[in-house]
């Protein structure tokens, strides 16, 4: 009887161990979770910097050369990665568009978590703009075509 109990307990312990290992394999374990949390902190920093850039751009009507405090915009947030001290990189990409980049540890996992079209996972950059309804564009869009007539009465008459 004791042998059956020992075998059963051993089988349960092995199955429990396999379940834990499967969980680590699926989720990546605590090391991956720490990387993803650090990446989320970096993303939040980039968003705060972007809000500051947008404030400065709205204030001046043009993109700033660099984040800096003004009377109308609060002091810029930290401009360096809190884990590596590497500076975040800000660069205008057009008259109304910019990118702010960081060194992410798991950029693809962050992109999947965010489901955000403004994040370029390959480059590790947030893409943004001011005064434009298409913030995920990297450069200024071409001019819009002439709008379609509002009703058939507004359309020019066709000749046959």
Protein backbone atom coordinates (compact mmCIF):
# COMPACT_ATOMS: atom_id res chain seq x y z
CA UNK A 1 0.00 0.00 0.00
CA UNK A 2 2.85 2.38 0.84
CA UNK A 3 4.39 1.76 -2.57
CA UNK A 4 1.20 2.88 -4.34
CA UNK A 5 1.04 6.05 -2.25
CA UNK A 6 4.69 6.78 -2.98
CA UNK A 7 4.18 6.24 -6.71
CA UNK A 8 1.02 8.41 -6.69
CA UNK A 9 2.74 11.21 -4.74
CA UNK A 10 5.75 11.06 -7.03
CA UNK A 11 3.50 11.24 -10.10
CA UNK A 12 1.66 14.27 -8.68
CA UNK A 13 4.97 16.01 -7.89
CA UNK A 14 6.28 15.32 -11.41
CA UNK A 15 3.06 16.64 -12.98
CA UNK A 16 3.14 19.75 -10.79
CA UNK A 17 6.77 20.36 -11.76
CA UNK A 18 5.91 19.95 -15.44
CA UNK A 19 3.03 22.42 -15.06
CA UNK A 20 5.38 25.00 -13.51
CA UNK A 21 7.93 24.49 -16.29
CA UNK A 22 5.21 24.79 -18.93
CA UNK A 23 4.09 28.05 -17.32
CA UNK A 24 7.63 29.45 -17.46
CA UNK A 25 8.02 28.32 -21.06
CA UNK A 26 4.75 30.01 -22.02
CA UNK A 27 5.14 33.27 -20.08
CA UNK A 28 8.90 33.58 -20.05
CA UNK A 29 9.07 33.56 -16.29
CA UNK A 30 10.04 36.33 -13.90
CA UNK A 31 13.07 37.48 -15.92
CA UNK A 32 10.92 38.17 -18.98
CA UNK A 33 8.30 39.87 -16.83
CA UNK A 34 10.96 42.22 -15.41
CA UNK A 35 12.12 43.07 -18.95
CA UNK A 36 8.55 43.79 -20.02
CA UNK A 37 7.99 46.00 -16.95
CA UNK A 38 11.16 47.97 -17.72
CA UNK A 39 9.99 48.36 -21.32
CA UNK A 40 6.62 49.65 -20.12
CA UNK A 41 8.42 52.26 -18.00
CA UNK A 42 10.41 53.32 -21.08
CA UNK A 43 7.21 53.53 -23.17
CA UNK A 44 5.55 55.70 -20.51
CA UNK A 45 8.61 57.97 -20.51
CA UNK A 46 8.41 58.32 -24.31
CA UNK A 47 4.72 59.18 -24.07
CA UNK A 48 5.44 61.88 -21.48
CA UNK A 49 8.21 63.34 -23.64
CA UNK A 50 5.88 63.28 -26.64
CA UNK A 51 3.20 65.15 -24.71
CA UNK A 52 5.82 67.75 -23.81
CA UNK A 53 6.92 68.06 -27.47
CA UNK A 54 3.26 68.46 -28.53
CA UNK A 55 2.77 71.17 -25.91
CA UNK A 56 5.85 73.04 -27.14
CA UNK A 57 4.79 72.62 -30.79
CA UNK A 58 1.27 73.88 -30.07
CA UNK A 59 2.75 76.82 -28.18
CA UNK A 60 5.24 77.83 -30.90
CA UNK A 61 3.51 76.49 -34.02
CA UNK A 62 6.62 74.51 -34.89
CA UNK A 63 8.56 71.60 -33.46
CA UNK A 64 11.19 72.41 -30.87
CA UNK A 65 14.84 71.52 -31.43
CA UNK A 66 14.85 69.75 -28.06
CA UNK A 67 12.59 69.37 -25.04
CA UNK A 68 12.94 72.30 -22.65
CA UNK A 69 10.78 74.00 -20.05
CA UNK A 70 8.68 76.99 -21.14
CA UNK A 71 6.14 79.08 -19.23
CA UNK A 72 3.27 77.24 -20.93
CA UNK A 73 4.70 73.72 -20.80
CA UNK A 74 5.90 71.90 -17.71
CA UNK A 75 9.50 70.80 -17.37
CA UNK A 76 10.29 67.84 -19.60
CA UNK A 77 10.28 64.44 -17.96
CA UNK A 78 13.43 62.44 -17.62
CA UNK A 79 15.28 62.22 -20.90
CA UNK A 80 17.27 59.07 -20.16
CA UNK A 81 16.47 55.43 -19.53
CA UNK A 82 16.22 54.96 -15.75
CA UNK A 83 17.76 51.48 -16.00
CA UNK A 84 20.69 52.10 -18.35
CA UNK A 85 21.10 55.89 -18.28
CA UNK A 86 21.09 55.80 -22.11
CA UNK A 87 19.53 59.02 -23.43
CA UNK A 88 16.16 58.90 -25.15
CA UNK A 89 16.55 60.20 -28.68
CA UNK A 90 14.18 62.86 -30.06
CA UNK A 91 14.24 63.73 -33.76
CA UNK A 92 11.80 65.68 -35.93
CA UNK A 93 10.89 63.70 -39.07
CA UNK A 94 8.87 66.43 -40.79
CA UNK A 95 7.44 69.86 -40.06
CA UNK A 96 4.80 68.35 -37.74
CA UNK A 97 6.08 64.83 -37.02
CA UNK A 98 8.71 63.41 -34.69
CA UNK A 99 10.05 60.23 -33.23
CA UNK A 100 11.38 59.50 -29.76
CA UNK A 101 13.45 56.34 -29.41
CA UNK A 102 14.68 54.12 -26.61
CA UNK A 103 16.53 50.84 -26.26
CA UNK A 104 13.77 48.33 -25.52
CA UNK A 105 14.55 44.81 -24.31
CA UNK A 106 11.45 43.12 -25.75
CA UNK A 107 10.03 45.52 -28.35
CA UNK A 108 7.85 42.94 -30.12
CA UNK A 109 6.23 41.90 -26.84
CA UNK A 110 5.62 45.57 -26.03
CA UNK A 111 4.04 46.19 -29.43
CA UNK A 112 1.73 43.20 -28.95
CA UNK A 113 0.83 44.43 -25.47
CA UNK A 114 0.17 48.00 -26.63
CA UNK A 115 -1.50 47.23 -29.95
CA UNK A 116 -0.41 50.77 -30.83
CA UNK A 117 0.32 51.85 -34.39
CA UNK A 118 2.45 54.73 -33.12
CA UNK A 119 5.14 52.31 -31.87
CA UNK A 120 7.80 51.23 -34.34
CA UNK A 121 9.06 48.06 -32.66
CA UNK A 122 11.91 47.55 -35.15
CA UNK A 123 13.42 50.96 -34.34
CA UNK A 124 12.16 51.18 -30.75
CA UNK A 125 10.49 54.53 -31.44
CA UNK A 126 7.26 56.29 -30.64
CA UNK A 127 6.00 58.20 -33.71
CA UNK A 128 3.85 61.26 -33.13
CA UNK A 129 2.65 64.55 -34.59
CA UNK A 130 0.79 67.71 -33.74
CA UNK A 131 -2.09 69.37 -35.53
CA UNK A 132 -2.69 66.29 -37.69
CA UNK A 133 -5.41 63.65 -37.39
CA UNK A 134 -2.95 60.94 -38.50
CA UNK A 135 -0.38 60.70 -35.67
CA UNK A 136 1.00 57.38 -36.89
CA UNK A 137 2.42 58.92 -40.06
CA UNK A 138 6.15 59.56 -40.00
CA UNK A 139 6.20 62.41 -42.46
CA UNK A 140 3.71 65.03 -43.50
CA UNK A 141 0.97 63.53 -45.68
CA UNK A 142 0.36 64.78 -49.23
CA UNK A 143 -2.46 67.31 -49.66
CA UNK A 144 -5.93 65.81 -49.61
CA UNK A 145 -7.78 65.53 -52.94
CA UNK A 146 -10.71 67.82 -53.59
CA UNK A 147 -13.73 66.63 -51.63
CA UNK A 148 -16.51 64.81 -53.44
CA UNK A 149 -19.69 66.80 -54.08
CA UNK A 150 -22.07 66.72 -51.12
CA UNK A 151 -25.07 65.75 -53.25
CA UNK A 152 -25.80 64.81 -56.88
CA UNK A 153 -27.11 68.37 -57.39
CA UNK A 154 -23.65 69.77 -56.61
CA UNK A 155 -21.95 67.50 -59.15
CA UNK A 156 -21.17 68.93 -62.60
CA UNK A 157 -23.56 67.83 -65.31
CA UNK A 158 -22.36 65.00 -67.52
CA UNK A 159 -22.46 65.31 -71.23
CA UNK A 160 -22.96 62.33 -73.49
